[in-house]
Protein backbone atom coordinates (compact mmCIF):
# COMPACT_ATOMS: atom_id res chain seq x y z
CA MET A 1 -83.54 35.22 -30.69
CA ASN A 2 -83.48 38.94 -31.39
CA ARG A 3 -80.38 38.48 -33.55
CA LEU A 4 -82.03 35.76 -35.64
CA TYR A 5 -85.16 37.73 -36.47
CA LYS A 6 -84.20 41.42 -36.29
CA GLU A 7 -80.48 41.90 -36.87
CA GLY A 8 -79.64 38.97 -39.09
CA LEU A 9 -82.70 37.87 -41.04
CA ILE A 10 -81.00 37.58 -44.43
CA THR A 11 -77.98 35.69 -43.13
CA THR A 12 -80.30 33.44 -41.11
CA ILE A 13 -82.25 32.56 -44.27
CA LEU A 14 -79.00 31.91 -46.16
CA GLY A 15 -77.69 29.70 -43.34
CA ILE A 16 -80.87 27.66 -43.11
CA GLY A 17 -80.95 27.29 -46.89
CA ILE A 18 -77.36 26.05 -47.06
CA LEU A 19 -77.88 23.63 -44.16
CA THR A 20 -81.11 22.32 -45.70
CA PHE A 21 -79.44 21.78 -49.08
CA THR A 22 -76.45 19.96 -47.60
CA GLY A 23 -78.75 17.92 -45.36
CA ALA A 24 -80.76 16.85 -48.41
CA LEU A 25 -77.57 15.87 -50.25
CA ILE A 26 -76.41 13.77 -47.31
CA TRP A 27 -79.85 12.23 -46.75
CA THR A 28 -80.21 11.17 -50.40
CA GLY A 29 -76.73 9.69 -50.38
CA LYS A 30 -75.35 11.90 -53.15
CA ALA A 31 -72.68 13.30 -50.82
CA THR A 32 -70.97 12.36 -47.59
CA THR A 33 -70.55 14.44 -44.48
CA GLU A 34 -66.84 14.69 -45.24
CA SER A 35 -67.46 16.24 -48.64
CA CYS A 36 -70.12 18.63 -47.29
CA SER A 37 -68.29 19.65 -44.12
CA GLY A 38 -67.18 22.97 -45.61
CA TRP A 39 -70.73 23.85 -46.64
CA ILE A 40 -72.02 22.90 -43.20
CA ALA A 41 -69.44 25.21 -41.62
CA VAL A 42 -70.46 28.06 -43.94
CA GLY A 43 -74.14 27.49 -43.15
CA LEU A 44 -73.47 27.59 -39.42
CA MET A 45 -71.35 30.73 -39.87
CA PHE A 46 -74.21 32.47 -41.66
CA LEU A 47 -76.61 31.44 -38.86
CA ARG A 48 -74.37 33.07 -36.25
CA SER A 49 -73.49 36.24 -38.19
CA LYS A 50 -75.28 39.55 -38.51
CA ASP A 51 -76.35 41.09 -41.81
CA SER A 52 -73.56 43.65 -41.54
CA LEU A 53 -71.11 40.83 -42.27
CA ILE A 54 -72.23 40.76 -45.90
CA GLY A 55 -72.52 44.55 -46.20
CA LEU A 56 -76.21 45.12 -45.46
CA SER A 57 -77.14 48.12 -43.39
CA LYS A 58 -79.56 47.94 -40.49
CA LYS A 59 -81.94 50.61 -41.78
CA ILE A 60 -82.77 49.82 -45.39
CA GLY A 61 -81.23 46.41 -46.04
CA ARG A 62 -78.96 47.56 -48.87
CA ALA A 63 -75.23 47.51 -49.32
CA HIS A 64 -73.19 50.26 -47.73
CA VAL A 65 -71.39 52.72 -49.94
CA TRP A 66 -68.09 53.46 -48.28
CA THR A 67 -67.03 57.07 -48.75
């Protein structure tokens, strides 16, 4: 739970947003699970990843500048 709320808040929000959007598409019948399977996989990947995966630092939440 620490990873979801402290170390990966932005990626958790992105993952939940993607899963909610694909769930709504499937529920309304505008898409099938086969056509949304890639988006579901991306949403689950964002849920499991830390913010450092997308280049956000732990201290200030901004992108790293590699020197």
